[in-house]
Protein backbone atom coordinates (compact mmCIF):
# COMPACT_ATOMS: atom_id res chain seq x y z
CA MET A 1 -16.18 -17.79 -5.31
CA SER A 2 -14.72 -18.58 -8.40
CA VAL A 3 -12.06 -21.47 -8.96
CA LYS A 4 -9.03 -19.04 -9.45
CA GLN A 5 -9.70 -17.46 -5.88
CA LYS A 6 -10.43 -20.41 -3.93
CA PHE A 7 -6.95 -22.13 -5.79
CA ALA A 8 -5.07 -19.10 -4.77
CA ARG A 9 -6.60 -18.80 -0.96
CA LYS A 10 -4.99 -22.51 -0.72
CA ALA A 11 -1.81 -21.49 -2.49
CA VAL A 12 -1.67 -18.97 0.04
CA LYS A 13 -2.86 -20.69 2.94
CA SER A 14 -0.25 -24.47 1.94
CA THR A 15 2.48 -21.69 2.01
CA ALA A 16 2.32 -20.11 5.14
CA LYS A 17 1.50 -23.75 6.65
CA HIS A 18 4.56 -24.56 5.31
CA THR A 19 7.06 -21.82 6.02
CA ALA A 20 5.58 -21.32 9.58
CA HIS A 21 6.40 -25.78 10.29
CA GLY A 22 9.93 -24.67 8.50
CA THR A 23 10.73 -21.88 10.83
CA ALA A 24 9.86 -23.50 13.66
CA SER A 25 11.60 -26.61 12.50
CA LYS A 26 15.04 -24.50 11.86
CA LEU A 27 14.21 -22.77 15.39
CA LYS A 28 14.96 -26.61 17.23
CA ARG A 29 17.88 -27.42 15.45
CA ASP A 30 19.82 -24.03 14.74
CA PRO A 31 18.60 -21.59 17.06
CA LEU A 32 21.45 -19.02 17.19
CA ARG A 33 21.89 -18.87 13.30
CA ALA A 34 17.93 -19.43 12.74
CA THR A 35 17.27 -15.93 15.12
CA THR A 36 19.90 -14.64 13.50
CA LEU A 37 18.28 -14.20 10.05
CA LEU A 38 15.30 -13.59 11.17
CA ALA A 39 16.48 -10.47 13.31
CA LEU A 40 18.46 -9.81 10.13
CA GLY A 41 15.46 -10.21 7.56
CA CYS A 42 13.68 -7.94 10.29
CA ALA A 43 16.42 -4.91 9.80
CA ALA A 44 16.34 -5.18 6.03
CA GLY A 45 11.97 -4.65 6.17
CA VAL A 46 12.23 -1.90 8.55
CA ILE A 47 14.75 0.28 6.61
CA ALA A 48 12.99 -1.07 3.32
CA GLY A 49 10.17 0.58 4.65
CA TRP A 50 11.69 3.41 6.51
CA LEU A 51 13.16 4.70 3.12
CA LEU A 52 10.21 3.80 1.10
CA SER A 53 8.37 6.05 3.88
CA ARG A 54 10.65 9.27 3.08
CA LYS A 55 10.28 8.27 -0.18
CA CYS A 56 7.01 8.64 -0.76
CA LYS A 57 4.80 11.97 -0.09
CA PRO A 58 2.08 11.60 1.83
CA CYS A 59 -1.54 12.14 0.09
CA GLY A 60 -2.30 15.59 -1.26
CA GLU A 61 1.31 17.45 -0.12
CA ARG A 62 2.86 18.16 -3.13
CA SER A 63 6.58 19.12 -3.83
CA GLU A 64 5.89 21.80 -6.21
CA PRO A 65 2.59 24.40 -5.95
CA ALA A 66 0.12 23.01 -7.69
CA PRO A 67 -0.37 25.30 -11.47
CA PRO A 68 -3.11 27.66 -11.21
CA GLY A 69 -6.23 26.29 -12.25
CA ALA A 70 -5.69 22.50 -10.96
CA GLY A 71 -8.07 22.31 -7.82
CA GLU A 72 -10.96 23.57 -6.90
CA ALA A 73 -10.20 25.44 -4.93
CA SER A 74 -8.31 28.06 -6.96
CA GLN A 75 -11.71 28.25 -9.37
CA SER A 76 -13.97 31.30 -8.10
CA ILE A 77 -17.90 31.31 -8.13
CA ALA A 78 -19.85 34.01 -8.92
CA PRO A 79 -22.75 34.92 -6.26
CA GLY A 80 -25.61 33.48 -7.69
CA GLN A 81 -23.52 30.70 -10.17
CA PRO A 82 -25.05 27.05 -8.86
CA THR A 83 -21.50 25.32 -7.79
CA VAL A 84 -22.91 22.15 -9.74
CA PRO A 85 -23.64 22.90 -13.70
CA GLU A 86 -26.11 21.07 -15.35
CA PRO A 87 -26.60 18.57 -17.25
CA PRO A 88 -26.74 19.49 -20.91
CA THR A 89 -30.31 19.27 -22.22
CA LEU A 90 -30.95 16.75 -25.40
CA GLY A 91 -32.92 19.37 -28.03
């Protein structure tokens, strides 16, 4: 593990601990406000995820048909021809 990765992991770990401690502390001091803000943040995350999932199409799905020759399915192979091209010879 490099020094850079080690420091990055420590930073993530300390940030997570700090966030968890702060959230717990806020819940003790003002539970209604903290719960409301947490719920609003979750709702915003769900809406953003839903919008992104609608915008991005799943892998392999295209909005337009593929041009001829773009995929292997469009290539026709005559019987007796090898399916994998042979490497060029040197000489």
